[in-house]
Amino acid sequence: AWAILTLTLLTLFNSLNYEYLFVLDLLGLLVITQLLSPYTMKPKWRPR
């Protein structure tokens, strides 16, 4: 959902660039990972 949102917004603002898209998607992935991953244990999928 975050990747589609950033792609849509960058397209609407006519500034679609692979660097902007990559940085925004990386930031989104970092934030989503921190918010949704459990902090008391490390699940099997976390190292991947």
All heavy atoms as atom14 arrays in JSON, in Angstrom:
{
  "sequence": "AWAILTLTLLTLFNSLNYEYLFVLDLLGLLVITQLLSPYTMKPKWRPR",
  "atom14_mask": [
    [1, 1, 1, 1, 1, 0, 0, 0, 0, 0, 0, 0, 0, 0],
    [1, 1, 1, 1, 1, 1, 1, 1, 1, 1, 1, 1, 1, 1],
    [1, 1, 1, 1, 1, 0, 0, 0, 0, 0, 0, 0, 0, 0],
    [1, 1, 1, 1, 1, 1, 1, 1, 0, 0, 0, 0, 0, 0],
    [1, 1, 1, 1, 1, 1, 1, 1, 0, 0, 0, 0, 0, 0],
    [1, 1, 1, 1, 1, 1, 1, 0, 0, 0, 0, 0, 0, 0],
    [1, 1, 1, 1, 1, 1, 1, 1, 0, 0, 0, 0, 0, 0],
    [1, 1, 1, 1, 1, 1, 1, 0, 0, 0, 0, 0, 0, 0],
    [1, 1, 1, 1, 1, 1, 1, 1, 0, 0, 0, 0, 0, 0],
    [1, 1, 1, 1, 1, 1, 1, 1, 0, 0, 0, 0, 0, 0],
    [1, 1, 1, 1, 1, 1, 1, 0, 0, 0, 0, 0, 0, 0],
    [1, 1, 1, 1, 1, 1, 1, 1, 0, 0, 0, 0, 0, 0],
    [1, 1, 1, 1, 1, 1, 1, 1, 1, 1, 1, 0, 0, 0],
    [1, 1, 1, 1, 1, 1, 1, 1, 0, 0, 0, 0, 0, 0],
    [1, 1, 1, 1, 1, 1, 0, 0, 0, 0, 0, 0, 0, 0],
    [1, 1, 1, 1, 1, 1, 1, 1, 0, 0, 0, 0, 0, 0],
    [1, 1, 1, 1, 1, 1, 1, 1, 0, 0, 0, 0, 0, 0],
    [1, 1, 1, 1, 1, 1, 1, 1, 1, 1, 1, 1, 0, 0],
    [1, 1, 1, 1, 1, 1, 1, 1, 1, 0, 0, 0, 0, 0],
    [1, 1, 1, 1, 1, 1, 1, 1, 1, 1, 1, 1, 0, 0],
    [1, 1, 1, 1, 1, 1, 1, 1, 0, 0, 0, 0, 0, 0],
    [1, 1, 1, 1, 1, 1, 1, 1, 1, 1, 1, 0, 0, 0],
    [1, 1, 1, 1, 1, 1, 1, 0, 0, 0, 0, 0, 0, 0],
    [1, 1, 1, 1, 1, 1, 1, 1, 0, 0, 0, 0, 0, 0],
    [1, 1, 1, 1, 1, 1, 1, 1, 0, 0, 0, 0, 0, 0],
    [1, 1, 1, 1, 1, 1, 1, 1, 0, 0, 0, 0, 0, 0],
    [1, 1, 1, 1, 1, 1, 1, 1, 0, 0, 0, 0, 0, 0],
    [1, 1, 1, 1, 0, 0, 0, 0, 0, 0, 0, 0, 0, 0],
    [1, 1, 1, 1, 1, 1, 1, 1, 0, 0, 0, 0, 0, 0],
    [1, 1, 1, 1, 1, 1, 1, 1, 0, 0, 0, 0, 0, 0],
    [1, 1, 1, 1, 1, 1, 1, 0, 0, 0, 0, 0, 0, 0],
    [1, 1, 1, 1, 1, 1, 1, 1, 0, 0, 0, 0, 0, 0],
    [1, 1, 1, 1, 1, 1, 1, 0, 0, 0, 0, 0, 0, 0],
    [1, 1, 1, 1, 1, 1, 1, 1, 1, 0, 0, 0, 0, 0],
    [1, 1, 1, 1, 1, 1, 1, 1, 0, 0, 0, 0, 0, 0],
    [1, 1, 1, 1, 1, 1, 1, 1, 0, 0, 0, 0, 0, 0],
    [1, 1, 1, 1, 1, 1, 0, 0, 0, 0, 0, 0, 0, 0],
    [1, 1, 1, 1, 1, 1, 1, 0, 0, 0, 0, 0, 0, 0],
    [1, 1, 1, 1, 1, 1, 1, 1, 1, 1, 1, 1, 0, 0],
    [1, 1, 1, 1, 1, 1, 1, 0, 0, 0, 0, 0, 0, 0],
    [1, 1, 1, 1, 1, 1, 1, 1, 0, 0, 0, 0, 0, 0],
    [1, 1, 1, 1, 1, 1, 1, 1, 1, 0, 0, 0, 0, 0],
    [1, 1, 1, 1, 1, 1, 1, 0, 0, 0, 0, 0, 0, 0],
    [1, 1, 1, 1, 1, 1, 1, 1, 1, 0, 0, 0, 0, 0],
    [1, 1, 1, 1, 1, 1, 1, 1, 1, 1, 1, 1, 1, 1],
    [1, 1, 1, 1, 1, 1, 1, 1, 1, 1, 1, 0, 0, 0],
    [1, 1, 1, 1, 1, 1, 1, 0, 0, 0, 0, 0, 0, 0],
    [1, 1, 1, 1, 1, 1, 1, 1, 1, 1, 1, 0, 0, 0]
  ],
  "atom14_positions": [
    [[0.84, -1.21, 0.0], [0.0, 0.0, 0.0], [0.87, 1.26, 0.0], [0.58, 2.22, -0.71], [-0.92, -0.01, 1.21], [0.0, 0.0, 0.0], [0.0, 0.0, 0.0], [0.0, 0.0, 0.0], [0.0, 0.0, 0.0], [0.0, 0.0, 0.0], [0.0, 0.0, 0.0], [0.0, 0.0, 0.0], [0.0, 0.0, 0.0], [0.0, 0.0, 0.0]],
    [[1.94, 1.25, 0.79], [2.85, 2.41, 0.83], [3.52, 2.63, -0.52], [3.63, 3.77, -0.98], [3.9, 2.2, 1.92], [4.92, 3.27, 1.94], [6.18, 3.22, 1.43], [4.77, 4.59, 2.47], [6.82, 4.41, 1.62], [5.99, 5.26, 2.26], [3.74, 5.25, 3.12], [6.17, 6.58, 2.66], [3.94, 6.57, 3.52], [5.14, 7.21, 3.28]],
    [[3.96, 1.55, -1.16], [4.63, 1.68, -2.46], [3.68, 2.22, -3.52], [4.06, 3.07, -4.32], [5.21, 0.32, -2.89], [0.0, 0.0, 0.0], [0.0, 0.0, 0.0], [0.0, 0.0, 0.0], [0.0, 0.0, 0.0], [0.0, 0.0, 0.0], [0.0, 0.0, 0.0], [0.0, 0.0, 0.0], [0.0, 0.0, 0.0], [0.0, 0.0, 0.0]],
    [[2.45, 1.74, -3.52], [1.47, 2.24, -4.49], [1.15, 3.7, -4.21], [1.03, 4.51, -5.14], [0.2, 1.36, -4.45], [0.51, -0.01, -5.04], [-0.95, 2.02, -5.2], [-0.58, -1.04, -4.83], [0.0, 0.0, 0.0], [0.0, 0.0, 0.0], [0.0, 0.0, 0.0], [0.0, 0.0, 0.0], [0.0, 0.0, 0.0], [0.0, 0.0, 0.0]],
    [[1.05, 4.06, -2.93], [0.77, 5.46, -2.58], [1.91, 6.38, -3.02], [1.66, 7.44, -3.61], [0.55, 5.59, -1.07], [0.3, 6.99, -0.56], [-1.07, 7.49, -1.01], [0.4, 7.03, 0.95], [0.0, 0.0, 0.0], [0.0, 0.0, 0.0], [0.0, 0.0, 0.0], [0.0, 0.0, 0.0], [0.0, 0.0, 0.0], [0.0, 0.0, 0.0]],
    [[3.16, 5.99, -2.76], [4.27, 6.84, -3.17], [4.37, 6.95, -4.69], [4.65, 8.03, -5.22], [5.61, 6.32, -2.6], [5.81, 4.97, -3.01], [5.66, 6.44, -1.11], [0.0, 0.0, 0.0], [0.0, 0.0, 0.0], [0.0, 0.0, 0.0], [0.0, 0.0, 0.0], [0.0, 0.0, 0.0], [0.0, 0.0, 0.0], [0.0, 0.0, 0.0]],
    [[4.14, 5.84, -5.37], [4.16, 5.87, -6.84], [3.07, 6.79, -7.38], [3.32, 7.59, -8.29], [3.99, 4.45, -7.39], [4.05, 4.29, -8.9], [5.43, 4.65, -9.41], [3.69, 2.88, -9.28], [0.0, 0.0, 0.0], [0.0, 0.0, 0.0], [0.0, 0.0, 0.0], [0.0, 0.0, 0.0], [0.0, 0.0, 0.0], [0.0, 0.0, 0.0]],
    [[1.89, 6.72, -6.8], [0.79, 7.57, -7.23], [1.08, 9.04, -6.97], [0.87, 9.89, -7.84], [-0.51, 7.16, -6.52], [-0.75, 5.77, -6.77], [-1.69, 7.97, -7.01], [0.0, 0.0, 0.0], [0.0, 0.0, 0.0], [0.0, 0.0, 0.0], [0.0, 0.0, 0.0], [0.0, 0.0, 0.0], [0.0, 0.0, 0.0], [0.0, 0.0, 0.0]],
    [[1.58, 9.35, -5.77], [1.86, 10.75, -5.43], [2.99, 11.32, -6.29], [2.91, 12.47, -6.75], [2.19, 10.88, -3.95], [1.02, 10.72, -3.0], [1.49, 10.77, -1.55], [-0.03, 11.79, -3.25], [0.0, 0.0, 0.0], [0.0, 0.0, 0.0], [0.0, 0.0, 0.0], [0.0, 0.0, 0.0], [0.0, 0.0, 0.0], [0.0, 0.0, 0.0]],
    [[4.03, 10.54, -6.51], [5.11, 11.04, -7.36], [4.65, 11.25, -8.8], [5.08, 12.2, -9.46], [6.3, 10.07, -7.33], [7.13, 10.07, -6.06], [8.16, 8.95, -6.1], [7.8, 11.41, -5.85], [0.0, 0.0, 0.0], [0.0, 0.0, 0.0], [0.0, 0.0, 0.0], [0.0, 0.0, 0.0], [0.0, 0.0, 0.0], [0.0, 0.0, 0.0]],
    [[3.75, 10.41, -9.26], [3.2, 10.58, -10.61], [2.32, 11.82, -10.67], [2.39, 12.59, -11.63], [2.41, 9.33, -11.03], [3.26, 8.19, -10.92], [1.92, 9.45, -12.44], [0.0, 0.0, 0.0], [0.0, 0.0, 0.0], [0.0, 0.0, 0.0], [0.0, 0.0, 0.0], [0.0, 0.0, 0.0], [0.0, 0.0, 0.0], [0.0, 0.0, 0.0]],
    [[1.5, 12.02, -9.63], [0.62, 13.19, -9.62], [1.41, 14.49, -9.57], [1.02, 15.48, -10.2], [-0.34, 13.13, -8.42], [-1.5, 12.15, -8.54], [-2.29, 12.12, -7.24], [-2.41, 12.53, -9.69], [0.0, 0.0, 0.0], [0.0, 0.0, 0.0], [0.0, 0.0, 0.0], [0.0, 0.0, 0.0], [0.0, 0.0, 0.0], [0.0, 0.0, 0.0]],
    [[2.5, 14.51, -8.84], [3.32, 15.72, -8.74], [4.32, 15.84, -9.88], [5.16, 16.73, -9.88], [4.04, 15.78, -7.4], [3.11, 15.99, -6.24], [3.21, 15.21, -5.1], [2.12, 16.97, -6.28], [2.37, 15.41, -4.03], [1.28, 17.17, -5.21], [1.4, 16.38, -4.09], [0.0, 0.0, 0.0], [0.0, 0.0, 0.0], [0.0, 0.0, 0.0]],
    [[4.25, 14.9, -10.82], [5.09, 14.91, -12.01], [6.59, 14.92, -11.66], [7.39, 15.6, -12.3], [4.74, 16.1, -12.92], [5.14, 15.84, -14.35], [5.36, 14.7, -14.73], [5.24, 16.89, -15.13], [0.0, 0.0, 0.0], [0.0, 0.0, 0.0], [0.0, 0.0, 0.0], [0.0, 0.0, 0.0], [0.0, 0.0, 0.0], [0.0, 0.0, 0.0]],
    [[6.94, 14.19, -10.61], [8.34, 14.09, -10.23], [8.73, 12.63, -10.02], [9.46, 12.3, -9.09], [8.6, 14.91, -8.96], [7.81, 14.42, -7.91], [0.0, 0.0, 0.0], [0.0, 0.0, 0.0], [0.0, 0.0, 0.0], [0.0, 0.0, 0.0], [0.0, 0.0, 0.0], [0.0, 0.0, 0.0], [0.0, 0.0, 0.0], [0.0, 0.0, 0.0]],
    [[8.24, 11.78, -10.91], [8.55, 10.36, -10.82], [10.0, 10.14, -11.21], [10.4, 10.43, -12.34], [7.62, 9.55, -11.72], [7.73, 8.03, -11.62], [7.46, 7.57, -10.2], [6.76, 7.38, -12.57], [0.0, 0.0, 0.0], [0.0, 0.0, 0.0], [0.0, 0.0, 0.0], [0.0, 0.0, 0.0], [0.0, 0.0, 0.0], [0.0, 0.0, 0.0]],
    [[10.77, 9.67, -10.27], [12.2, 9.45, -10.45], [12.55, 8.2, -9.65], [12.06, 8.02, -8.54], [12.95, 10.68, -9.92], [14.42, 10.61, -10.17], [14.94, 9.6, -10.63], [15.11, 11.68, -9.84], [0.0, 0.0, 0.0], [0.0, 0.0, 0.0], [0.0, 0.0, 0.0], [0.0, 0.0, 0.0], [0.0, 0.0, 0.0], [0.0, 0.0, 0.0]],
    [[13.39, 7.34, -10.18], [13.69, 6.1, -9.47], [14.38, 6.37, -8.14], [14.21, 5.62, -7.18], [14.51, 5.15, -10.34], [15.96, 5.55, -10.52], [16.93, 5.06, -9.66], [16.36, 6.38, -11.55], [18.25, 5.41, -9.8], [17.68, 6.74, -11.71], [18.62, 6.24, -10.83], [19.93, 6.59, -10.98], [0.0, 0.0, 0.0], [0.0, 0.0, 0.0]],
    [[15.15, 7.45, -8.04], [15.82, 7.76, -6.77], [14.81, 8.17, -5.71], [14.88, 7.69, -4.57], [16.84, 8.87, -6.98], [18.0, 8.45, -7.85], [18.88, 9.61, -8.23], [18.46, 10.78, -8.07], [20.0, 9.34, -8.7], [0.0, 0.0, 0.0], [0.0, 0.0, 0.0], [0.0, 0.0, 0.0], [0.0, 0.0, 0.0], [0.0, 0.0, 0.0]],
    [[13.87, 9.04, -6.06], [12.84, 9.45, -5.1], [11.99, 8.26, -4.68], [11.69, 8.08, -3.5], [11.93, 10.51, -5.7], [12.58, 11.85, -5.98], [12.06, 12.7, -6.93], [13.7, 12.26, -5.29], [12.64, 13.93, -7.19], [14.3, 13.47, -5.55], [13.76, 14.3, -6.49], [14.34, 15.51, -6.75], [0.0, 0.0, 0.0], [0.0, 0.0, 0.0]],
    [[11.61, 7.45, -5.65], [10.78, 6.29, -5.36], [11.52, 5.32, -4.45], [10.95, 4.8, -3.48], [10.36, 5.61, -6.65], [9.42, 4.41, -6.5], [8.08, 4.85, -5.94], [9.23, 3.72, -7.84], [0.0, 0.0, 0.0], [0.0, 0.0, 0.0], [0.0, 0.0, 0.0], [0.0, 0.0, 0.0], [0.0, 0.0, 0.0], [0.0, 0.0, 0.0]],
    [[12.79, 5.07, -4.73], [13.56, 4.14, -3.91], [13.7, 4.65, -2.48], [13.51, 3.9, -1.52], [14.94, 3.9, -4.52], [15.81, 3.02, -3.67], [15.59, 1.66, -3.65], [16.8, 3.55, -2.87], [16.37, 0.84, -2.86], [17.58, 2.75, -2.08], [17.36, 1.39, -2.07], [0.0, 0.0, 0.0], [0.0, 0.0, 0.0], [0.0, 0.0, 0.0]],
    [[14.04, 5.93, -2.32], [14.24, 6.48, -0.97], [12.93, 6.47, -0.18], [12.91, 6.06, 1.0], [14.82, 7.91, -1.06], [14.8, 8.6, 0.29], [16.24, 7.85, -1.6], [0.0, 0.0, 0.0], [0.0, 0.0, 0.0], [0.0, 0.0, 0.0], [0.0, 0.0, 0.0], [0.0, 0.0, 0.0], [0.0, 0.0, 0.0], [0.0, 0.0, 0.0]],
    [[11.84, 6.88, -0.8], [10.56, 6.88, -0.09], [10.1, 5.46, 0.25], [9.57, 5.23, 1.35], [9.5, 7.6, -0.92], [9.67, 9.11, -1.03], [8.65, 9.68, -2.0], [9.54, 9.75, 0.33], [0.0, 0.0, 0.0], [0.0, 0.0, 0.0], [0.0, 0.0, 0.0], [0.0, 0.0, 0.0], [0.0, 0.0, 0.0], [0.0, 0.0, 0.0]],
    [[10.31, 4.53, -0.65], [9.94, 3.15, -0.36], [10.82, 2.54, 0.72], [10.35, 1.78, 1.57], [9.98, 2.29, -1.62], [8.8, 2.53, -2.52], [7.81, 3.14, -2.05], [8.85, 2.11, -3.69], [0.0, 0.0, 0.0], [0.0, 0.0, 0.0], [0.0, 0.0, 0.0], [0.0, 0.0, 0.0], [0.0, 0.0, 0.0], [0.0, 0.0, 0.0]],
    [[12.1, 2.87, 0.72], [12.99, 2.37, 1.78], [12.59, 2.93, 3.13], [12.53, 2.19, 4.13], [14.45, 2.72, 1.46], [15.47, 2.29, 2.51], [15.51, 0.77, 2.61], [16.84, 2.83, 2.17], [0.0, 0.0, 0.0], [0.0, 0.0, 0.0], [0.0, 0.0, 0.0], [0.0, 0.0, 0.0], [0.0, 0.0, 0.0], [0.0, 0.0, 0.0]],
    [[12.31, 4.22, 3.19], [11.85, 4.81, 4.45], [10.55, 4.17, 4.92], [10.38, 3.88, 6.1], [11.68, 6.32, 4.29], [12.96, 7.13, 4.2], [12.63, 8.58, 3.89], [13.76, 7.01, 5.46], [0.0, 0.0, 0.0], [0.0, 0.0, 0.0], [0.0, 0.0, 0.0], [0.0, 0.0, 0.0], [0.0, 0.0, 0.0], [0.0, 0.0, 0.0]],
    [[9.64, 3.95, 4.0], [8.39, 3.3, 4.35], [8.61, 1.89, 4.87], [7.99, 1.49, 5.86], [0.0, 0.0, 0.0], [0.0, 0.0, 0.0], [0.0, 0.0, 0.0], [0.0, 0.0, 0.0], [0.0, 0.0, 0.0], [0.0, 0.0, 0.0], [0.0, 0.0, 0.0], [0.0, 0.0, 0.0], [0.0, 0.0, 0.0], [0.0, 0.0, 0.0]],
    [[9.5, 1.14, 4.23], [9.77, -0.21, 4.69], [10.41, -0.22, 6.08], [10.07, -1.05, 6.92], [10.68, -0.94, 3.69], [11.0, -2.4, 4.0], [9.72, -3.24, 4.04], [11.97, -2.96, 2.98], [0.0, 0.0, 0.0], [0.0, 0.0, 0.0], [0.0, 0.0, 0.0], [0.0, 0.0, 0.0], [0.0, 0.0, 0.0], [0.0, 0.0, 0.0]],
    [[11.31, 0.71, 6.33], [11.93, 0.79, 7.65], [10.9, 1.12, 8.73], [10.9, 0.49, 9.8], [13.05, 1.84, 7.64], [14.3, 1.47, 6.86], [15.2, 2.69, 6.71], [15.05, 0.35, 7.56], [0.0, 0.0, 0.0], [0.0, 0.0, 0.0], [0.0, 0.0, 0.0], [0.0, 0.0, 0.0], [0.0, 0.0, 0.0], [0.0, 0.0, 0.0]],
    [[10.04, 2.08, 8.46], [9.02, 2.46, 9.45], [8.02, 1.33, 9.65], [7.68, 0.99, 10.8], [8.31, 3.76, 9.0], [7.09, 4.04, 9.85], [9.27, 4.93, 9.06], [0.0, 0.0, 0.0], [0.0, 0.0, 0.0], [0.0, 0.0, 0.0], [0.0, 0.0, 0.0], [0.0, 0.0, 0.0], [0.0, 0.0, 0.0], [0.0, 0.0, 0.0]],
    [[7.55, 0.74, 8.59], [6.56, -0.35, 8.7], [7.17, -1.53, 9.44], [6.51, -2.15, 10.28], [6.06, -0.75, 7.3], [5.17, 0.35, 6.74], [5.31, -2.07, 7.34], [4.86, 0.2, 5.27], [0.0, 0.0, 0.0], [0.0, 0.0, 0.0], [0.0, 0.0, 0.0], [0.0, 0.0, 0.0], [0.0, 0.0, 0.0], [0.0, 0.0, 0.0]],
    [[8.42, -1.84, 9.18], [9.08, -2.95, 9.87], [9.16, -2.68, 11.37], [8.89, -3.57, 12.19], [10.48, -3.18, 9.3], [10.38, -3.45, 7.92], [11.16, -4.33, 9.98], [0.0, 0.0, 0.0], [0.0, 0.0, 0.0], [0.0, 0.0, 0.0], [0.0, 0.0, 0.0], [0.0, 0.0, 0.0], [0.0, 0.0, 0.0], [0.0, 0.0, 0.0]],
    [[9.52, -1.47, 11.73], [9.63, -1.15, 13.15], [8.27, -1.14, 13.85], [8.17, -1.53, 15.0], [10.32, 0.2, 13.34], [11.78, 0.17, 13.03], [12.53, -0.82, 13.9], [12.38, -0.85, 15.11], [13.34, -1.65, 13.27], [0.0, 0.0, 0.0], [0.0, 0.0, 0.0], [0.0, 0.0, 0.0], [0.0, 0.0, 0.0], [0.0, 0.0, 0.0]],
    [[7.25, -0.69, 13.15], [5.93, -0.61, 13.77], [5.25, -1.97, 13.88], [4.53, -2.21, 14.86], [5.04, 0.35, 12.99], [5.4, 1.82, 13.07], [4.46, 2.64, 12.19], [5.32, 2.31, 14.5], [0.0, 0.0, 0.0], [0.0, 0.0, 0.0], [0.0, 0.0, 0.0], [0.0, 0.0, 0.0], [0.0, 0.0, 0.0], [0.0, 0.0, 0.0]],
    [[5.44, -2.84, 12.91], [4.68, -4.08, 12.88], [5.44, -5.32, 13.35], [4.82, -6.35, 13.58], [4.14, -4.34, 11.47], [3.09, -3.35, 10.98], [2.62, -3.73, 9.58], [1.91, -3.3, 11.92], [0.0, 0.0, 0.0], [0.0, 0.0, 0.0], [0.0, 0.0, 0.0], [0.0, 0.0, 0.0], [0.0, 0.0, 0.0], [0.0, 0.0, 0.0]],
    [[6.74, -5.26, 13.48], [7.47, -6.45, 13.92], [7.44, -6.54, 15.44], [7.5, -5.52, 16.14], [8.9, -6.44, 13.4], [9.61, -5.37, 13.97], [0.0, 0.0, 0.0], [0.0, 0.0, 0.0], [0.0, 0.0, 0.0], [0.0, 0.0, 0.0], [0.0, 0.0, 0.0], [0.0, 0.0, 0.0], [0.0, 0.0, 0.0], [0.0, 0.0, 0.0]],
    [[7.35, -7.76, 15.96], [7.31, -7.92, 17.42], [8.65, -7.55, 18.04], [9.71, -7.75, 17.44], [6.99, -9.4, 17.6], [7.37, -10.05, 16.33], [7.24, -9.02, 15.26], [0.0, 0.0, 0.0], [0.0, 0.0, 0.0], [0.0, 0.0, 0.0], [0.0, 0.0, 0.0], [0.0, 0.0, 0.0], [0.0, 0.0, 0.0], [0.0, 0.0, 0.0]],
    [[8.61, -7.0, 19.23], [9.85, -6.57, 19.87], [10.28, -7.51, 20.99], [11.38, -7.37, 21.52], [9.71, -5.15, 20.41], [8.55, -4.96, 21.34], [8.68, -5.16, 22.71], [7.31, -4.57, 20.85], [7.61, -4.99, 23.55], [6.23, -4.41, 21.69], [6.39, -4.62, 23.05], [5.33, -4.45, 23.89], [0.0, 0.0, 0.0], [0.0, 0.0, 0.0]],
    [[9.46, -8.46, 21.38], [9.83, -9.37, 22.45], [10.55, -10.62, 21.94], [11.26, -11.26, 22.7], [8.59, -9.82, 23.23], [7.65, -10.39, 22.32], [7.95, -8.64, 23.93], [0.0, 0.0, 0.0], [0.0, 0.0, 0.0], [0.0, 0.0, 0.0], [0.0, 0.0, 0.0], [0.0, 0.0, 0.0], [0.0, 0.0, 0.0], [0.0, 0.0, 0.0]],
    [[10.37, -10.96, 20.68], [11.04, -12.12, 20.11], [11.38, -11.83, 18.65], [10.88, -10.88, 18.07], [10.15, -13.36, 20.19], [8.83, -13.23, 19.46], [7.89, -14.73, 19.61], [7.47, -14.99, 17.92], [0.0, 0.0, 0.0], [0.0, 0.0, 0.0], [0.0, 0.0, 0.0], [0.0, 0.0, 0.0], [0.0, 0.0, 0.0], [0.0, 0.0, 0.0]],
    [[12.26, -12.65, 18.1], [12.66, -12.47, 16.71], [12.09, -13.62, 15.88], [12.56, -14.75, 15.97], [14.19, -12.44, 16.6], [14.69, -11.93, 15.29], [16.16, -11.62, 15.37], [16.58, -10.92, 14.11], [17.95, -10.47, 14.17], [0.0, 0.0, 0.0], [0.0, 0.0, 0.0], [0.0, 0.0, 0.0], [0.0, 0.0, 0.0], [0.0, 0.0, 0.0]],
    [[11.06, -13.34, 15.07], [10.45, -14.41, 14.27], [11.39, -14.91, 13.18], [12.4, -14.3, 12.86], [9.21, -13.76, 13.67], [9.39, -12.31, 13.82], [10.4, -12.07, 14.89], [0.0, 0.0, 0.0], [0.0, 0.0, 0.0], [0.0, 0.0, 0.0], [0.0, 0.0, 0.0], [0.0, 0.0, 0.0], [0.0, 0.0, 0.0], [0.0, 0.0, 0.0]],
    [[11.01, -16.05, 12.58], [11.85, -16.69, 11.56], [12.0, -15.83, 10.31], [13.01, -15.89, 9.63], [11.27, -18.05, 11.17], [11.46, -19.11, 12.2], [11.05, -20.46, 11.66], [9.62, -20.73, 12.05], [9.15, -22.05, 11.64], [0.0, 0.0, 0.0], [0.0, 0.0, 0.0], [0.0, 0.0, 0.0], [0.0, 0.0, 0.0], [0.0, 0.0, 0.0]],
    [[11.02, -15.01, 9.99], [11.06, -14.22, 8.77], [11.88, -12.94, 8.92], [12.24, -12.31, 7.94], [9.65, -13.87, 8.29], [8.77, -13.26, 9.34], [7.88, -13.91, 10.13], [8.69, -11.88, 9.72], [7.25, -13.05, 10.98], [7.73, -11.77, 10.74], [9.34, -10.72, 9.29], [7.4, -10.58, 11.35], [9.01, -9.52, 9.89], [8.06, -9.47, 10.91]],
    [[12.2, -12.55, 10.15], [12.89, -11.27, 10.36], [14.31, -11.23, 9.77], [14.7, -10.22, 9.17], [12.91, -10.95, 11.85], [13.54, -9.63, 12.2], [12.8, -8.47, 11.58], [13.58, -7.28, 11.55], [13.37, -6.23, 12.31], [12.37, -6.21, 13.15], [14.15, -5.18, 12.23], [0.0, 0.0, 0.0], [0.0, 0.0, 0.0], [0.0, 0.0, 0.0]],
    [[15.13, -12.3, 9.89], [16.46, -12.22, 9.25], [16.41, -12.06, 7.73], [17.27, -11.38, 7.16], [17.12, -13.56, 9.64], [16.43, -13.98, 10.87], [15.02, -13.49, 10.74], [0.0, 0.0, 0.0], [0.0, 0.0, 0.0], [0.0, 0.0, 0.0], [0.0, 0.0, 0.0], [0.0, 0.0, 0.0], [0.0, 0.0, 0.0], [0.0, 0.0, 0.0]],
    [[15.41, -12.65, 7.08], [15.28, -12.46, 5.63], [14.93, -11.01, 5.3], [15.41, -10.46, 4.32], [14.23, -13.42, 5.08], [14.64, -14.86, 5.14], [13.66, -15.73, 4.42], [12.33, -15.65, 5.01], [11.76, -16.61, 5.72], [12.4, -17.73, 5.94], [10.55, -16.45, 6.2], [0.0, 0.0, 0.0], [0.0, 0.0, 0.0], [0.0, 0.0, 0.0]]
  ]
}
